[in-house]
Amino acid sequence: MPELDEKQIKHEAARREYCRQCIADFQKLGYLDSYLEEVFDRKQRLLSQFSAQPTPRND
């Protein structure tokens, strides 16, 4: 196996760090997506709960 020179080693380390950062960013986006979906569902349930109740009349 040919030996890697210092430039190739640095390039490989940078590539691996970039991959780790991409994976971390996608995980964050997944967590945010789940959180937003949960908030939206909760909001929809509240809206449907309050729109289903009759409003009191001020006669």
Protein backbone atom coordinates (compact mmCIF):
# COMPACT_ATOMS: atom_id res chain seq x y z
CA MET A 1 0.00 0.00 0.00
CA PRO A 2 1.53 3.33 -0.98
CA GLU A 3 2.24 5.72 1.85
CA LEU A 4 0.10 8.81 2.05
CA ASP A 5 1.92 12.09 2.06
CA GLU A 6 1.06 14.87 4.48
CA LYS A 7 -1.11 16.72 1.96
CA GLN A 8 -3.26 13.62 1.34
CA ILE A 9 -3.57 12.95 5.07
CA LYS A 10 -4.78 16.51 5.69
CA HIS A 11 -7.19 16.27 2.77
CA GLU A 12 -8.63 13.00 4.10
CA ALA A 13 -8.99 14.45 7.61
CA ALA A 14 -10.78 17.52 6.21
CA ARG A 15 -13.09 15.30 4.14
CA ARG A 16 -13.99 13.21 7.18
CA GLU A 17 -14.66 16.32 9.28
CA TYR A 18 -16.89 17.69 6.51
CA CYS A 19 -18.84 14.41 6.47
CA ARG A 20 -19.25 14.49 10.26
CA GLN A 21 -20.51 18.08 10.05
CA CYS A 22 -23.01 17.18 7.30
CA ILE A 23 -24.34 14.27 9.34
CA ALA A 24 -24.69 16.50 12.41
CA ASP A 25 -26.52 19.16 10.37
CA PHE A 26 -28.96 16.60 8.93
CA GLN A 27 -29.64 15.28 12.43
CA LYS A 28 -30.39 18.81 13.64
CA LEU A 29 -32.77 19.33 10.73
CA GLY A 30 -34.52 16.08 11.56
CA TYR A 31 -34.98 17.13 15.17
CA LEU A 32 -36.30 20.52 14.08
CA ASP A 33 -38.65 18.91 11.60
CA SER A 34 -40.04 16.60 14.29
CA TYR A 35 -40.42 19.51 16.72
CA LEU A 36 -42.24 21.66 14.17
CA GLU A 37 -44.54 18.79 13.26
CA GLU A 38 -45.38 18.29 16.94
CA VAL A 39 -46.07 22.00 17.43
CA PHE A 40 -48.24 22.11 14.30
CA ASP A 41 -50.22 19.04 15.42
CA ARG A 42 -50.74 20.55 18.87
CA LYS A 43 -51.92 23.81 17.30
CA GLN A 44 -54.32 21.95 15.00
CA ARG A 45 -55.78 20.01 17.95
CA LEU A 46 -56.33 23.23 19.89
CA LEU A 47 -57.94 24.91 16.89
CA SER A 48 -60.26 21.99 16.28
CA GLN A 49 -61.09 21.76 20.00
CA PHE A 50 -62.05 25.41 20.28
CA SER A 51 -63.79 25.63 16.93
CA ALA A 52 -65.96 22.63 17.85
CA GLN A 53 -67.24 24.31 21.01
CA PRO A 54 -70.19 26.66 20.62
CA THR A 55 -69.35 30.27 21.33
CA PRO A 56 -71.29 31.97 24.14
CA ARG A 57 -73.76 34.60 22.99
CA ASN A 58 -73.95 38.04 24.53
CA ASP A 59 -77.59 38.89 24.05
